[in-house]
Amino acid sequence: MRVVQTELSEAEHGLLEAYVKSRGTTIKEAVREAVRKMTLRDQVDPEDPVFRAFPLTKKPGKLRNAAEEHDRHLYGSAP
């Protein structure tokens, strides 16, 4: 673990205290959560074919190799 220090205005500290009190957590955990939210990309691309792919075929029946070749069925052949 690394130690990080900063200074907050009275207003910022008051907001932080109210936030942690309302959620039953600590300042330390709230700051860690804020860092993770600011730095980690946690978004879904709605254009990703996986969200538009079903059904995988237009014909009735099952794909025999869907488990092994799901990337090819979803995204097409690699160039």
PDB file of N, CA and C in Angstrom:
ATOM      1  N   MET A   1       0.839  -1.183   0.000  1.00  0.00           N
ATOM      2  CA  MET A   1       0.000   0.000   0.000  1.00  0.00           C
ATOM      3  C   MET A   1       0.880   1.241   0.000  1.00  0.00           C
ATOM      4  N   ARG A   2       0.358   2.276  -0.649  1.00  0.00           N
ATOM      5  CA  ARG A   2       1.036   3.567  -0.675  1.00  0.00           C
ATOM      6  C   ARG A   2       0.191   4.575   0.093  1.00  0.00           C
ATOM      7  N   VAL A   3       0.845   5.536   0.732  1.00  0.00           N
ATOM      8  CA  VAL A   3       0.139   6.581   1.466  1.00  0.00           C
ATOM      9  C   VAL A   3       0.059   7.812   0.581  1.00  0.00           C
ATOM     10  N   VAL A   4      -1.136   8.392   0.488  1.00  0.00           N
ATOM     11  CA  VAL A   4      -1.363   9.604  -0.293  1.00  0.00           C
ATOM     12  C   VAL A   4      -2.015  10.623   0.635  1.00  0.00           C
ATOM     13  N   GLN A   5      -1.483  11.820   0.655  1.00  0.00           N
ATOM     14  CA  GLN A   5      -2.055  12.869   1.486  1.00  0.00           C
ATOM     15  C   GLN A   5      -2.522  14.019   0.616  1.00  0.00           C
ATOM     16  N   THR A   6      -3.546  14.729   1.085  1.00  0.00           N
ATOM     17  CA  THR A   6      -4.032  15.909   0.385  1.00  0.00           C
ATOM     18  C   THR A   6      -4.690  16.836   1.395  1.00  0.00           C
ATOM     19  N   GLU A   7      -5.015  18.009   0.948  1.00  0.00           N
ATOM     20  CA  GLU A   7      -5.715  18.976   1.780  1.00  0.00           C
ATOM     21  C   GLU A   7      -7.083  19.232   1.181  1.00  0.00           C
ATOM     22  N   LEU A   8      -8.088  19.351   2.047  1.00  0.00           N
ATOM     23  CA  LEU A   8      -9.449  19.652   1.630  1.00  0.00           C
ATOM     24  C   LEU A   8      -9.899  20.934   2.310  1.00  0.00           C
ATOM     25  N   SER A   9     -10.742  21.676   1.622  1.00  0.00           N
ATOM     26  CA  SER A   9     -11.357  22.836   2.264  1.00  0.00           C
ATOM     27  C   SER A   9     -12.343  22.329   3.311  1.00  0.00           C
ATOM     28  N   GLU A  10     -12.771  23.209   4.178  1.00  0.00           N
ATOM     29  CA  GLU A  10     -13.769  22.816   5.185  1.00  0.00           C
ATOM     30  C   GLU A  10     -15.038  22.300   4.508  1.00  0.00           C
ATOM     31  N   ALA A  11     -15.439  22.949   3.429  1.00  0.00           N
ATOM     32  CA  ALA A  11     -16.653  22.540   2.714  1.00  0.00           C
ATOM     33  C   ALA A  11     -16.475  21.145   2.115  1.00  0.00           C
ATOM     34  N   GLU A  12     -15.335  20.889   1.475  1.00  0.00           N
ATOM     35  CA  GLU A  12     -15.070  19.581   0.884  1.00  0.00           C
ATOM     36  C   GLU A  12     -15.057  18.493   1.959  1.00  0.00           C
ATOM     37  N   HIS A  13     -14.404  18.800   3.070  1.00  0.00           N
ATOM     38  CA  HIS A  13     -14.339  17.817   4.151  1.00  0.00           C
ATOM     39  C   HIS A  13     -15.733  17.551   4.719  1.00  0.00           C
ATOM     40  N   GLY A  14     -16.532  18.573   4.849  1.00  0.00           N
ATOM     41  CA  GLY A  14     -17.904  18.398   5.324  1.00  0.00           C
ATOM     42  C   GLY A  14     -18.724  17.535   4.386  1.00  0.00           C
ATOM     43  N   LEU A  15     -18.572  17.771   3.094  1.00  0.00           N
ATOM     44  CA  LEU A  15     -19.274  16.947   2.109  1.00  0.00           C
ATOM     45  C   LEU A  15     -18.824  15.492   2.196  1.00  0.00           C
ATOM     46  N   LEU A  16     -17.525  15.292   2.339  1.00  0.00           N
ATOM     47  CA  LEU A  16     -16.984  13.935   2.430  1.00  0.00           C
ATOM     48  C   LEU A  16     -17.484  13.233   3.693  1.00  0.00           C
ATOM     49  N   GLU A  17     -17.486  13.935   4.808  1.00  0.00           N
ATOM     50  CA  GLU A  17     -17.985  13.343   6.055  1.00  0.00           C
ATOM     51  C   GLU A  17     -19.462  12.965   5.943  1.00  0.00           C
ATOM     52  N   ALA A  18     -20.252  13.836   5.342  1.00  0.00           N
ATOM     53  CA  ALA A  18     -21.679  13.537   5.167  1.00  0.00           C
ATOM     54  C   ALA A  18     -21.860  12.327   4.249  1.00  0.00           C
ATOM     55  N   TYR A  19     -21.061  12.256   3.208  1.00  0.00           N
ATOM     56  CA  TYR A  19     -21.125  11.138   2.260  1.00  0.00           C
ATOM     57  C   TYR A  19     -20.838   9.817   2.962  1.00  0.00           C
ATOM     58  N   VAL A  20     -19.729   9.743   3.705  1.00  0.00           N
ATOM     59  CA  VAL A  20     -19.368   8.470   4.346  1.00  0.00           C
ATOM     60  C   VAL A  20     -20.350   8.106   5.453  1.00  0.00           C
ATOM     61  N   LYS A  21     -20.857   9.096   6.158  1.00  0.00           N
ATOM     62  CA  LYS A  21     -21.821   8.818   7.225  1.00  0.00           C
ATOM     63  C   LYS A  21     -23.110   8.238   6.638  1.00  0.00           C
ATOM     64  N   SER A  22     -23.563   8.795   5.517  1.00  0.00           N
ATOM     65  CA  SER A  22     -24.804   8.320   4.914  1.00  0.00           C
ATOM     66  C   SER A  22     -24.662   6.922   4.320  1.00  0.00           C
ATOM     67  N   ARG A  23     -23.454   6.530   4.012  1.00  0.00           N
ATOM     68  CA  ARG A  23     -23.228   5.216   3.405  1.00  0.00           C
ATOM     69  C   ARG A  23     -22.624   4.204   4.377  1.00  0.00           C
ATOM     70  N   GLY A  24     -22.344   4.636   5.577  1.00  0.00           N
ATOM     71  CA  GLY A  24     -21.795   3.715   6.568  1.00  0.00           C
ATOM     72  C   GLY A  24     -20.421   3.200   6.213  1.00  0.00           C
ATOM     73  N   THR A  25     -19.593   4.056   5.642  1.00  0.00           N
ATOM     74  CA  THR A  25     -18.239   3.655   5.252  1.00  0.00           C
ATOM     75  C   THR A  25     -17.238   4.606   5.897  1.00  0.00           C
ATOM     76  N   THR A  26     -15.999   4.515   5.489  1.00  0.00           N
ATOM     77  CA  THR A  26     -14.948   5.374   6.036  1.00  0.00           C
ATOM     78  C   THR A  26     -14.463   6.353   4.974  1.00  0.00           C
ATOM     79  N   ILE A  27     -13.802   7.393   5.423  1.00  0.00           N
ATOM     80  CA  ILE A  27     -13.201   8.346   4.485  1.00  0.00           C
ATOM     81  C   ILE A  27     -12.188   7.625   3.610  1.00  0.00           C
ATOM     82  N   LYS A  28     -11.391   6.766   4.217  1.00  0.00           N
ATOM     83  CA  LYS A  28     -10.374   6.035   3.460  1.00  0.00           C
ATOM     84  C   LYS A  28     -11.006   5.242   2.313  1.00  0.00           C
ATOM     85  N   GLU A  29     -12.064   4.499   2.607  1.00  0.00           N
ATOM     86  CA  GLU A  29     -12.705   3.692   1.568  1.00  0.00           C
ATOM     87  C   GLU A  29     -13.406   4.570   0.538  1.00  0.00           C
ATOM     88  N   ALA A  30     -14.000   5.667   0.951  1.00  0.00           N
ATOM     89  CA  ALA A  30     -14.666   6.565   0.006  1.00  0.00           C
ATOM     90  C   ALA A  30     -13.658   7.181  -0.967  1.00  0.00           C
ATOM     91  N   VAL A  31     -12.497   7.552  -0.468  1.00  0.00           N
ATOM     92  CA  VAL A  31     -11.468   8.125  -1.340  1.00  0.00           C
ATOM     93  C   VAL A  31     -10.943   7.061  -2.304  1.00  0.00           C
ATOM     94  N   ARG A  32     -10.739   5.841  -1.817  1.00  0.00           N
ATOM     95  CA  ARG A  32     -10.307   4.752  -2.711  1.00  0.00           C
ATOM     96  C   ARG A  32     -11.346   4.502  -3.803  1.00  0.00           C
ATOM     97  N   GLU A  33     -12.620   4.495  -3.421  1.00  0.00           N
ATOM     98  CA  GLU A  33     -13.695   4.304  -4.395  1.00  0.00           C
ATOM     99  C   GLU A  33     -13.684   5.417  -5.440  1.00  0.00           C
ATOM    100  N   ALA A  34     -13.497   6.652  -4.995  1.00  0.00           N
ATOM    101  CA  ALA A  34     -13.461   7.787  -5.921  1.00  0.00           C
ATOM    102  C   ALA A  34     -12.301   7.654  -6.906  1.00  0.00           C
ATOM    103  N   VAL A  35     -11.152   7.232  -6.421  1.00  0.00           N
ATOM    104  CA  VAL A  35      -9.986   7.051  -7.301  1.00  0.00           C
ATOM    105  C   VAL A  35     -10.285   5.978  -8.335  1.00  0.00           C
ATOM    106  N   ARG A  36     -10.862   4.874  -7.902  1.00  0.00           N
ATOM    107  CA  ARG A  36     -11.191   3.803  -8.859  1.00  0.00           C
ATOM    108  C   ARG A  36     -12.192   4.295  -9.904  1.00  0.00           C
ATOM    109  N   LYS A  37     -13.223   5.016  -9.481  1.00  0.00           N
ATOM    110  CA  LYS A  37     -14.226   5.508 -10.424  1.00  0.00           C
ATOM    111  C   LYS A  37     -13.632   6.492 -11.425  1.00  0.00           C
ATOM    112  N   MET A  38     -12.678   7.282 -10.970  1.00  0.00           N
ATOM    113  CA  MET A  38     -12.076   8.282 -11.859  1.00  0.00           C
ATOM    114  C   MET A  38     -11.072   7.670 -12.830  1.00  0.00           C
ATOM    115  N   THR A  39     -10.456   6.568 -12.458  1.00  0.00           N
ATOM    116  CA  THR A  39      -9.342   6.064 -13.254  1.00  0.00           C
ATOM    117  C   THR A  39      -9.632   4.803 -14.039  1.00  0.00           C
ATOM    118  N   LEU A  40     -10.630   4.024 -13.644  1.00  0.00           N
ATOM    119  CA  LEU A  40     -10.925   2.786 -14.341  1.00  0.00           C
ATOM    120  C   LEU A  40     -12.065   2.999 -15.317  1.00  0.00           C
ATOM    121  N   ARG A  41     -11.893   2.510 -16.528  1.00  0.00           N
ATOM    122  CA  ARG A  41     -12.942   2.607 -17.537  1.00  0.00           C
ATOM    123  C   ARG A  41     -13.948   1.496 -17.278  1.00  0.00           C
ATOM    124  N   ASP A  42     -15.158   1.871 -16.976  1.00  0.00           N
ATOM    125  CA  ASP A  42     -16.200   0.906 -16.680  1.00  0.00           C
ATOM    126  C   ASP A  42     -17.429   1.248 -17.511  1.00  0.00           C
ATOM    127  N   GLN A  43     -17.232   1.149 -18.834  1.00  0.00           N
ATOM    128  CA  GLN A  43     -18.315   1.502 -19.728  1.00  0.00           C
ATOM    129  C   GLN A  43     -18.567   0.366 -20.712  1.00  0.00           C
ATOM    130  N   VAL A  44     -19.771   0.294 -21.167  1.00  0.00           N
ATOM    131  CA  VAL A  44     -20.159  -0.704 -22.153  1.00  0.00           C
ATOM    132  C   VAL A  44     -20.330  -0.006 -23.487  1.00  0.00           C
ATOM    133  N   ASP A  45     -19.800  -0.622 -24.535  1.00  0.00           N
ATOM    134  CA  ASP A  45     -19.974  -0.093 -25.886  1.00  0.00           C
ATOM    135  C   ASP A  45     -21.280  -0.651 -26.449  1.00  0.00           C
ATOM    136  N   PRO A  46     -22.320   0.175 -26.540  1.00  0.00           N
ATOM    137  CA  PRO A  46     -23.608  -0.346 -27.015  1.00  0.00           C
ATOM    138  C   PRO A  46     -23.570  -0.834 -28.453  1.00  0.00           C
ATOM    139  N   GLU A  47     -22.536  -0.470 -29.202  1.00  0.00           N
ATOM    140  CA  GLU A  47     -22.409  -0.918 -30.587  1.00  0.00           C
ATOM    141  C   GLU A  47     -21.704  -2.273 -30.697  1.00  0.00           C
ATOM    142  N   ASP A  48     -21.213  -2.817 -29.582  1.00  0.00           N
ATOM    143  CA  ASP A  48     -20.552  -4.112 -29.602  1.00  0.00           C
ATOM    144  C   ASP A  48     -21.541  -5.156 -30.118  1.00  0.00           C
ATOM    145  N   PRO A  49     -21.128  -5.956 -31.109  1.00  0.00           N
ATOM    146  CA  PRO A  49     -22.040  -6.945 -31.683  1.00  0.00           C
ATOM    147  C   PRO A  49     -22.609  -7.935 -30.676  1.00  0.00           C
ATOM    148  N   VAL A  50     -21.947  -8.139 -29.572  1.00  0.00           N
ATOM    149  CA  VAL A  50     -22.463  -9.099 -28.600  1.00  0.00           C
ATOM    150  C   VAL A  50     -23.841  -8.686 -28.089  1.00  0.00           C
ATOM    151  N   PHE A  51     -24.161  -7.394 -28.130  1.00  0.00           N
ATOM    152  CA  PHE A  51     -25.459  -6.928 -27.666  1.00  0.00           C
ATOM    153  C   PHE A  51     -26.517  -6.929 -28.766  1.00  0.00           C
ATOM    154  N   ARG A  52     -26.091  -7.160 -29.998  1.00  0.00           N
ATOM    155  CA  ARG A  52     -27.029  -7.156 -31.119  1.00  0.00           C
ATOM    156  C   ARG A  52     -27.040  -8.486 -31.860  1.00  0.00           C
ATOM    157  N   ALA A  53     -26.335  -9.473 -31.366  1.00  0.00           N
ATOM    158  CA  ALA A  53     -26.073 -10.684 -32.129  1.00  0.00           C
ATOM    159  C   ALA A  53     -27.154 -11.748 -32.049  1.00  0.00           C
ATOM    160  N   PHE A  54     -28.072 -11.644 -31.130  1.00  0.00           N
ATOM    161  CA  PHE A  54     -29.000 -12.750 -30.952  1.00  0.00           C
ATOM    162  C   PHE A  54     -30.275 -12.535 -31.734  1.00  0.00           C
ATOM    163  N   PRO A  55     -30.773 -13.509 -32.410  1.00  0.00           N
ATOM    164  CA  PRO A  55     -30.185 -14.833 -32.548  1.00  0.00           C
ATOM    165  C   PRO A  55     -28.975 -14.795 -33.473  1.00  0.00           C
ATOM    166  N   LEU A  56     -28.064 -15.720 -33.261  1.00  0.00           N
ATOM    167  CA  LEU A  56     -26.839 -15.738 -34.057  1.00  0.00           C
ATOM    168  C   LEU A  56     -27.089 -16.127 -35.508  1.00  0.00           C
ATOM    169  N   THR A  57     -28.132 -16.866 -35.760  1.00  0.00           N
ATOM    170  CA  THR A  57     -28.454 -17.256 -37.131  1.00  0.00           C
ATOM    171  C   THR A  57     -29.886 -16.857 -37.439  1.00  0.00           C
ATOM    172  N   LYS A  58     -30.157 -16.701 -38.708  1.00  0.00           N
ATOM    173  CA  LYS A  58     -31.514 -16.373 -39.137  1.00  0.00           C
ATOM    174  C   LYS A  58     -32.285 -17.642 -39.485  1.00  0.00           C
ATOM    175  N   LYS A  59     -31.562 -18.742 -39.632  1.00  0.00           N
ATOM    176  CA  LYS A  59     -32.198 -20.016 -39.952  1.00  0.00           C
ATOM    177  C   LYS A  59     -32.471 -20.786 -38.659  1.00  0.00           C
ATOM    178  N   PRO A  60     -33.495 -21.597 -38.639  1.00  0.00           N
ATOM    179  CA  PRO A  60     -33.711 -22.437 -37.462  1.00  0.00           C
ATOM    180  C   PRO A  60     -32.577 -23.455 -37.326  1.00  0.00           C
ATOM    181  N   GLY A  61     -32.338 -23.890 -36.129  1.00  0.00           N
ATOM    182  CA  GLY A  61     -31.280 -24.865 -35.883  1.00  0.00           C
ATOM    183  C   GLY A  61     -30.232 -24.285 -34.958  1.00  0.00           C
ATOM    184  N   LYS A  62     -29.270 -25.083 -34.645  1.00  0.00           N
ATOM    185  CA  LYS A  62     -28.225 -24.667 -33.709  1.00  0.00           C
ATOM    186  C   LYS A  62     -26.888 -24.579 -34.425  1.00  0.00           C
ATOM    187  N   LEU A  63     -26.040 -23.706 -33.926  1.00  0.00           N
ATOM    188  CA  LEU A  63     -24.668 -23.667 -34.409  1.00  0.00           C
ATOM    189  C   LEU A  63     -23.910 -24.781 -33.710  1.00  0.00           C
ATOM    190  N   ARG A  64     -23.281 -25.627 -34.464  1.00  0.00           N
ATOM    191  CA  ARG A  64     -22.584 -26.757 -33.857  1.00  0.00           C
ATOM    192  C   ARG A  64     -21.277 -26.349 -33.190  1.00  0.00           C
ATOM    193  N   ASN A  65     -20.681 -25.274 -33.628  1.00  0.00           N
ATOM    194  CA  ASN A  65     -19.376 -24.889 -33.108  1.00  0.00           C
ATOM    195  C   ASN A  65     -19.407 -23.542 -32.386  1.00  0.00           C
ATOM    196  N   ALA A  66     -20.546 -23.153 -31.867  1.00  0.00           N
ATOM    197  CA  ALA A  66     -20.691 -21.828 -31.252  1.00  0.00           C
ATOM    198  C   ALA A  66     -19.752 -21.645 -30.067  1.00  0.00           C
ATOM    199  N   ALA A  67     -19.556 -22.665 -29.260  1.00  0.00           N
ATOM    200  CA  ALA A  67     -18.683 -22.532 -28.091  1.00  0.00           C
ATOM    201  C   ALA A  67     -17.237 -22.308 -28.506  1.00  0.00           C
ATOM    202  N   GLU A  68     -16.791 -23.014 -29.525  1.00  0.00           N
ATOM    203  CA  GLU A  68     -15.399 -22.906 -29.953  1.00  0.00           C
ATOM    204  C   GLU A  68     -15.139 -21.665 -30.805  1.00  0.00           C
ATOM    205  N   GLU A  69     -16.131 -21.239 -31.552  1.00  0.00           N
ATOM    206  CA  GLU A  69     -15.905 -20.154 -32.506  1.00  0.00           C
ATOM    207  C   GLU A  69     -16.846 -18.975 -32.279  1.00  0.00           C
ATOM    208  N   HIS A  70     -17.156 -18.684 -31.019  1.00  0.00           N
ATOM    209  CA  HIS A  70     -18.104 -17.602 -30.742  1.00  0.00           C
ATOM    210  C   HIS A  70     -17.593 -16.246 -31.219  1.00  0.00           C
ATOM    211  N   ASP A  71     -16.278 -15.987 -31.127  1.00  0.00           N
ATOM    212  CA  ASP A  71     -15.749 -14.706 -31.606  1.00  0.00           C
ATOM    213  C   ASP A  71     -15.997 -14.545 -33.105  1.00  0.00           C
ATOM    214  N   ARG A  72     -15.766 -15.606 -33.871  1.00  0.00           N
ATOM    215  CA  ARG A  72     -15.983 -15.523 -35.319  1.00  0.00           C
ATOM    216  C   ARG A  72     -17.458 -15.298 -35.618  1.00  0.00           C
ATOM    217  N   HIS A  73     -18.349 -15.958 -34.895  1.00  0.00           N
ATOM    218  CA  HIS A  73     -19.785 -15.789 -35.131  1.00  0.00           C
ATOM    219  C   HIS A  73     -20.226 -14.362 -34.767  1.00  0.00           C
ATOM    220  N   LEU A  74     -19.648 -13.784 -33.733  1.00  0.00           N
ATOM    221  CA  LEU A  74     -20.046 -12.449 -33.306  1.00  0.00           C
ATOM    222  C   LEU A  74     -19.368 -11.338 -34.098  1.00  0.00           C
ATOM    223  N   TYR A  75     -18.070 -11.484 -34.337  1.00  0.00           N
ATOM    224  CA  TYR A  75     -17.288 -10.395 -34.897  1.00  0.00           C
ATOM    225  C   TYR A  75     -16.819 -10.629 -36.330  1.00  0.00           C
ATOM    226  N   GLY A  76     -17.035 -11.824 -36.868  1.00  0.00           N
ATOM    227  CA  GLY A  76     -16.601 -12.114 -38.219  1.00  0.00           C
ATOM    228  C   GLY A  76     -15.197 -12.700 -38.216  1.00  0.00           C
ATOM    229  N   SER A  77     -14.745 -13.093 -39.410  1.00  0.00           N
ATOM    230  CA  SER A  77     -13.416 -13.684 -39.541  1.00  0.00           C
ATOM    231  C   SER A  77     -12.340 -12.648 -39.351  1.00  0.00           C
ATOM    232  N   ALA A  78     -11.208 -13.083 -38.816  1.00  0.00           N
ATOM    233  CA  ALA A  78     -10.061 -12.169 -38.650  1.00  0.00           C
ATOM    234  C   ALA A  78      -9.445 -11.910 -40.014  1.00  0.00           C
ATOM    235  N   PRO A  79      -8.979 -10.686 -40.239  1.00  0.00           N
ATOM    236  CA  PRO A  79      -8.381 -10.373 -41.562  1.00  0.00           C
ATOM    237  C   PRO A  79      -7.093 -11.103 -41.794  1.00  0.00           C
TER     238      PRO A  79
END
